[in-house]
């Protein structure tokens, strides 16, 4: 289940299984929370620098 990252390639099997179990029990990020975060970011003054925004849900809604 852990994919999309080079870090996961270095995990030993036991740790990979533990992280997969943890991620499978976490709730998904609701669309409204993602929308609220995006609205917050775009409402910041022009002199505020937010170079990265990472939203990483544990599963799809």
PDB file of N, CA and C in Angstrom:
ATOM      1  N   UNK A   1       0.810  -1.198   0.000  1.00  0.00           N
ATOM      2  CA  UNK A   1       0.000   0.000   0.000  1.00  0.00           C
ATOM      3  C   UNK A   1       0.851   1.258   0.000  1.00  0.00           C
ATOM      4  N   UNK A   2       2.005   1.237   0.627  1.00  0.00           N
ATOM      5  CA  UNK A   2       2.867   2.415   0.631  1.00  0.00           C
ATOM      6  C   UNK A   2       3.504   2.523  -0.742  1.00  0.00           C
ATOM      7  N   UNK A   3       3.149   3.582  -1.443  1.00  0.00           N
ATOM      8  CA  UNK A   3       3.764   3.780  -2.743  1.00  0.00           C
ATOM      9  C   UNK A   3       3.851   5.270  -3.030  1.00  0.00           C
ATOM     10  N   UNK A   4       4.491   5.615  -4.105  1.00  0.00           N
ATOM     11  CA  UNK A   4       4.611   7.010  -4.475  1.00  0.00           C
ATOM     12  C   UNK A   4       5.709   7.750  -3.734  1.00  0.00           C
ATOM     13  N   UNK A   5       6.570   7.026  -3.041  1.00  0.00           N
ATOM     14  CA  UNK A   5       7.659   7.682  -2.338  1.00  0.00           C
ATOM     15  C   UNK A   5       8.890   6.788  -2.325  1.00  0.00           C
ATOM     16  N   UNK A   6      10.040   7.398  -2.473  1.00  0.00           N
ATOM     17  CA  UNK A   6      11.285   6.639  -2.419  1.00  0.00           C
ATOM     18  C   UNK A   6      11.572   6.160  -1.004  1.00  0.00           C
ATOM     19  N   UNK A   7      11.062   6.879  -0.014  1.00  0.00           N
ATOM     20  CA  UNK A   7      11.279   6.487   1.372  1.00  0.00           C
ATOM     21  C   UNK A   7      10.721   5.090   1.631  1.00  0.00           C
ATOM     22  N   UNK A   8       9.560   4.791   1.080  1.00  0.00           N
ATOM     23  CA  UNK A   8       8.945   3.485   1.299  1.00  0.00           C
ATOM     24  C   UNK A   8       9.806   2.350   0.759  1.00  0.00           C
ATOM     25  N   UNK A   9      10.614   2.617  -0.256  1.00  0.00           N
ATOM     26  CA  UNK A   9      11.478   1.585  -0.826  1.00  0.00           C
ATOM     27  C   UNK A   9      12.527   1.100   0.175  1.00  0.00           C
ATOM     28  N   UNK A  10      12.861   1.952   1.152  1.00  0.00           N
ATOM     29  CA  UNK A  10      13.897   1.583   2.107  1.00  0.00           C
ATOM     30  C   UNK A  10      13.347   0.930   3.371  1.00  0.00           C
ATOM     31  N   UNK A  11      12.027   0.842   3.503  1.00  0.00           N
ATOM     32  CA  UNK A  11      11.431   0.234   4.699  1.00  0.00           C
ATOM     33  C   UNK A  11      11.647  -1.268   4.713  1.00  0.00           C
ATOM     34  N   UNK A  12      12.014  -1.841   5.852  1.00  0.00           N
ATOM     35  CA  UNK A  12      12.020  -3.294   5.959  1.00  0.00           C
ATOM     36  C   UNK A  12      10.574  -3.803   5.919  1.00  0.00           C
ATOM     37  N   UNK A  13      10.395  -5.057   5.546  1.00  0.00           N
ATOM     38  CA  UNK A  13       9.042  -5.610   5.393  1.00  0.00           C
ATOM     39  C   UNK A  13       8.201  -5.454   6.649  1.00  0.00           C
ATOM     40  N   UNK A  14       8.796  -5.663   7.829  1.00  0.00           N
ATOM     41  CA  UNK A  14       8.021  -5.572   9.071  1.00  0.00           C
ATOM     42  C   UNK A  14       7.496  -4.141   9.289  1.00  0.00           C
ATOM     43  N   UNK A  15       8.318  -3.154   9.003  1.00  0.00           N
ATOM     44  CA  UNK A  15       7.884  -1.767   9.158  1.00  0.00           C
ATOM     45  C   UNK A  15       6.856  -1.408   8.097  1.00  0.00           C
ATOM     46  N   UNK A  16       7.057  -1.868   6.897  1.00  0.00           N
ATOM     47  CA  UNK A  16       6.098  -1.604   5.821  1.00  0.00           C
ATOM     48  C   UNK A  16       4.723  -2.155   6.173  1.00  0.00           C
ATOM     49  N   UNK A  17       4.673  -3.357   6.751  1.00  0.00           N
ATOM     50  CA  UNK A  17       3.398  -3.962   7.158  1.00  0.00           C
ATOM     51  C   UNK A  17       2.751  -3.146   8.275  1.00  0.00           C
ATOM     52  N   UNK A  18       3.553  -2.671   9.222  1.00  0.00           N
ATOM     53  CA  UNK A  18       3.027  -1.883  10.328  1.00  0.00           C
ATOM     54  C   UNK A  18       2.441  -0.553   9.814  1.00  0.00           C
ATOM     55  N   UNK A  19       3.135   0.094   8.901  1.00  0.00           N
ATOM     56  CA  UNK A  19       2.647   1.359   8.349  1.00  0.00           C
ATOM     57  C   UNK A  19       1.386   1.123   7.517  1.00  0.00           C
ATOM     58  N   UNK A  20       1.358   0.051   6.751  1.00  0.00           N
ATOM     59  CA  UNK A  20       0.148  -0.282   5.978  1.00  0.00           C
ATOM     60  C   UNK A  20      -1.049  -0.489   6.899  1.00  0.00           C
ATOM     61  N   UNK A  21      -0.850  -1.185   8.003  1.00  0.00           N
ATOM     62  CA  UNK A  21      -1.936  -1.400   8.966  1.00  0.00           C
ATOM     63  C   UNK A  21      -2.415  -0.076   9.545  1.00  0.00           C
ATOM     64  N   UNK A  22      -1.483   0.781   9.909  1.00  0.00           N
ATOM     65  CA  UNK A  22      -1.845   2.080  10.467  1.00  0.00           C
ATOM     66  C   UNK A  22      -2.625   2.908   9.459  1.00  0.00           C
ATOM     67  N   UNK A  23      -2.129   2.966   8.234  1.00  0.00           N
ATOM     68  CA  UNK A  23      -2.804   3.770   7.213  1.00  0.00           C
ATOM     69  C   UNK A  23      -4.192   3.233   6.882  1.00  0.00           C
ATOM     70  N   UNK A  24      -4.385   1.930   6.970  1.00  0.00           N
ATOM     71  CA  UNK A  24      -5.697   1.373   6.644  1.00  0.00           C
ATOM     72  C   UNK A  24      -6.742   1.692   7.709  1.00  0.00           C
ATOM     73  N   UNK A  25      -6.308   2.067   8.913  1.00  0.00           N
ATOM     74  CA  UNK A  25      -7.261   2.390   9.977  1.00  0.00           C
ATOM     75  C   UNK A  25      -7.527   3.882  10.094  1.00  0.00           C
ATOM     76  N   UNK A  26      -6.742   4.711   9.414  1.00  0.00           N
ATOM     77  CA  UNK A  26      -6.947   6.156   9.486  1.00  0.00           C
ATOM     78  C   UNK A  26      -8.132   6.571   8.628  1.00  0.00           C
ATOM     79  N   UNK A  27      -8.905   7.546   9.099  1.00  0.00           N
ATOM     80  CA  UNK A  27     -10.031   8.014   8.283  1.00  0.00           C
ATOM     81  C   UNK A  27      -9.548   8.841   7.095  1.00  0.00           C
ATOM     82  N   UNK A  28     -10.358   8.882   6.055  1.00  0.00           N
ATOM     83  CA  UNK A  28     -10.038   9.687   4.877  1.00  0.00           C
ATOM     84  C   UNK A  28     -10.234  11.164   5.190  1.00  0.00           C
ATOM     85  N   UNK A  29      -9.591  12.032   4.427  1.00  0.00           N
ATOM     86  CA  UNK A  29      -9.759  13.476   4.579  1.00  0.00           C
ATOM     87  C   UNK A  29     -11.006  13.879   3.797  1.00  0.00           C
ATOM     88  N   UNK A  30     -12.001  14.450   4.473  1.00  0.00           N
ATOM     89  CA  UNK A  30     -13.231  14.858   3.762  1.00  0.00           C
ATOM     90  C   UNK A  30     -12.957  15.959   2.737  1.00  0.00           C
ATOM     91  N   UNK A  31     -13.719  15.942   1.662  1.00  0.00           N
ATOM     92  CA  UNK A  31     -13.563  16.952   0.609  1.00  0.00           C
ATOM     93  C   UNK A  31     -13.711  18.362   1.156  1.00  0.00           C
ATOM     94  N   UNK A  32     -14.629  18.541   2.105  1.00  0.00           N
ATOM     95  CA  UNK A  32     -14.855  19.877   2.662  1.00  0.00           C
ATOM     96  C   UNK A  32     -13.612  20.403   3.384  1.00  0.00           C
ATOM     97  N   UNK A  33     -12.846  19.532   4.014  1.00  0.00           N
ATOM     98  CA  UNK A  33     -11.615  19.963   4.682  1.00  0.00           C
ATOM     99  C   UNK A  33     -10.548  20.358   3.664  1.00  0.00           C
ATOM    100  N   UNK A  34     -10.468  19.615   2.578  1.00  0.00           N
ATOM    101  CA  UNK A  34      -9.516  19.960   1.515  1.00  0.00           C
ATOM    102  C   UNK A  34      -9.908  21.303   0.907  1.00  0.00           C
ATOM    103  N   UNK A  35     -11.188  21.485   0.629  1.00  0.00           N
ATOM    104  CA  UNK A  35     -11.666  22.744   0.056  1.00  0.00           C
ATOM    105  C   UNK A  35     -11.406  23.903   1.013  1.00  0.00           C
ATOM    106  N   UNK A  36     -11.618  23.686   2.304  1.00  0.00           N
ATOM    107  CA  UNK A  36     -11.370  24.733   3.291  1.00  0.00           C
ATOM    108  C   UNK A  36      -9.904  25.123   3.352  1.00  0.00           C
ATOM    109  N   UNK A  37      -9.024  24.149   3.244  1.00  0.00           N
ATOM    110  CA  UNK A  37      -7.593  24.426   3.260  1.00  0.00           C
ATOM    111  C   UNK A  37      -7.174  25.216   2.020  1.00  0.00           C
ATOM    112  N   UNK A  38      -7.693  24.841   0.878  1.00  0.00           N
ATOM    113  CA  UNK A  38      -7.382  25.563  -0.363  1.00  0.00           C
ATOM    114  C   UNK A  38      -7.922  26.995  -0.284  1.00  0.00           C
ATOM    115  N   UNK A  39      -9.132  27.165   0.234  1.00  0.00           N
ATOM    116  CA  UNK A  39      -9.698  28.509   0.377  1.00  0.00           C
ATOM    117  C   UNK A  39      -8.844  29.364   1.302  1.00  0.00           C
ATOM    118  N   UNK A  40      -8.342  28.771   2.378  1.00  0.00           N
ATOM    119  CA  UNK A  40      -7.468  29.487   3.298  1.00  0.00           C
ATOM    120  C   UNK A  40      -6.194  29.941   2.583  1.00  0.00           C
ATOM    121  N   UNK A  41      -5.581  29.049   1.845  1.00  0.00           N
ATOM    122  CA  UNK A  41      -4.316  29.361   1.166  1.00  0.00           C
ATOM    123  C   UNK A  41      -4.503  30.495   0.163  1.00  0.00           C
ATOM    124  N   UNK A  42      -5.543  30.422  -0.654  1.00  0.00           N
ATOM    125  CA  UNK A  42      -5.716  31.451  -1.688  1.00  0.00           C
ATOM    126  C   UNK A  42      -6.210  32.776  -1.114  1.00  0.00           C
ATOM    127  N   UNK A  43      -6.640  32.788   0.140  1.00  0.00           N
ATOM    128  CA  UNK A  43      -7.101  34.035   0.751  1.00  0.00           C
ATOM    129  C   UNK A  43      -5.987  34.784   1.497  1.00  0.00           C
ATOM    130  N   UNK A  44      -4.772  34.237   1.512  1.00  0.00           N
ATOM    131  CA  UNK A  44      -3.653  34.901   2.184  1.00  0.00           C
ATOM    132  C   UNK A  44      -3.212  36.102   1.370  1.00  0.00           C
ATOM    133  N   UNK A  45      -2.678  37.129   2.055  1.00  0.00           N
ATOM    134  CA  UNK A  45      -2.164  38.302   1.338  1.00  0.00           C
ATOM    135  C   UNK A  45      -1.044  37.903   0.365  1.00  0.00           C
ATOM    136  N   UNK A  46      -0.839  38.728  -0.637  1.00  0.00           N
ATOM    137  CA  UNK A  46       0.168  38.422  -1.662  1.00  0.00           C
ATOM    138  C   UNK A  46       1.577  38.292  -1.099  1.00  0.00           C
ATOM    139  N   UNK A  47       1.863  38.949   0.022  1.00  0.00           N
ATOM    140  CA  UNK A  47       3.213  38.875   0.566  1.00  0.00           C
ATOM    141  C   UNK A  47       3.449  37.643   1.440  1.00  0.00           C
ATOM    142  N   UNK A  48       2.444  36.805   1.589  1.00  0.00           N
ATOM    143  CA  UNK A  48       2.605  35.541   2.321  1.00  0.00           C
ATOM    144  C   UNK A  48       3.018  34.471   1.320  1.00  0.00           C
ATOM    145  N   UNK A  49       4.114  33.790   1.619  1.00  0.00           N
ATOM    146  CA  UNK A  49       4.660  32.790   0.714  1.00  0.00           C
ATOM    147  C   UNK A  49       4.346  31.395   1.251  1.00  0.00           C
ATOM    148  N   UNK A  50       3.514  30.666   0.553  1.00  0.00           N
ATOM    149  CA  UNK A  50       3.205  29.272   0.888  1.00  0.00           C
ATOM    150  C   UNK A  50       3.641  28.415  -0.305  1.00  0.00           C
ATOM    151  N   UNK A  51       4.918  28.055  -0.365  1.00  0.00           N
ATOM    152  CA  UNK A  51       5.435  27.378  -1.551  1.00  0.00           C
ATOM    153  C   UNK A  51       4.962  25.935  -1.707  1.00  0.00           C
ATOM    154  N   UNK A  52       4.545  25.301  -0.620  1.00  0.00           N
ATOM    155  CA  UNK A  52       4.136  23.894  -0.713  1.00  0.00           C
ATOM    156  C   UNK A  52       2.880  23.652   0.102  1.00  0.00           C
ATOM    157  N   UNK A  53       2.007  22.867  -0.461  1.00  0.00           N
ATOM    158  CA  UNK A  53       0.817  22.428   0.248  1.00  0.00           C
ATOM    159  C   UNK A  53       0.660  20.955  -0.074  1.00  0.00           C
ATOM    160  N   UNK A  54       0.785  20.125   0.925  1.00  0.00           N
ATOM    161  CA  UNK A  54       0.671  18.680   0.722  1.00  0.00           C
ATOM    162  C   UNK A  54      -0.524  18.176   1.504  1.00  0.00           C
ATOM    163  N   UNK A  55      -1.454  17.588   0.795  1.00  0.00           N
ATOM    164  CA  UNK A  55      -2.609  16.954   1.416  1.00  0.00           C
ATOM    165  C   UNK A  55      -2.506  15.484   1.070  1.00  0.00           C
ATOM    166  N   UNK A  56      -2.289  14.685   2.076  1.00  0.00           N
ATOM    167  CA  UNK A  56      -2.077  13.270   1.812  1.00  0.00           C
ATOM    168  C   UNK A  56      -3.099  12.448   2.612  1.00  0.00           C
ATOM    169  N   UNK A  57      -4.240  12.173   1.990  1.00  0.00           N
ATOM    170  CA  UNK A  57      -5.240  11.356   2.689  1.00  0.00           C
ATOM    171  C   UNK A  57      -4.782   9.915   2.812  1.00  0.00           C
ATOM    172  N   UNK A  58      -5.344   9.247   3.784  1.00  0.00           N
ATOM    173  CA  UNK A  58      -4.990   7.844   3.981  1.00  0.00           C
ATOM    174  C   UNK A  58      -5.724   6.924   3.011  1.00  0.00           C
ATOM    175  N   UNK A  59      -6.862   7.394   2.502  1.00  0.00           N
ATOM    176  CA  UNK A  59      -7.607   6.630   1.502  1.00  0.00           C
ATOM    177  C   UNK A  59      -8.533   7.578   0.760  1.00  0.00           C
ATOM    178  N   UNK A  60      -9.052   7.172  -0.370  1.00  0.00           N
ATOM    179  CA  UNK A  60      -9.935   8.005  -1.170  1.00  0.00           C
ATOM    180  C   UNK A  60     -11.336   8.033  -0.570  1.00  0.00           C
ATOM    181  N   UNK A  61     -12.002   9.167  -0.758  1.00  0.00           N
ATOM    182  CA  UNK A  61     -13.391   9.316  -0.309  1.00  0.00           C
ATOM    183  C   UNK A  61     -14.287   8.913  -1.468  1.00  0.00           C
TER     184      UNK A  61
END
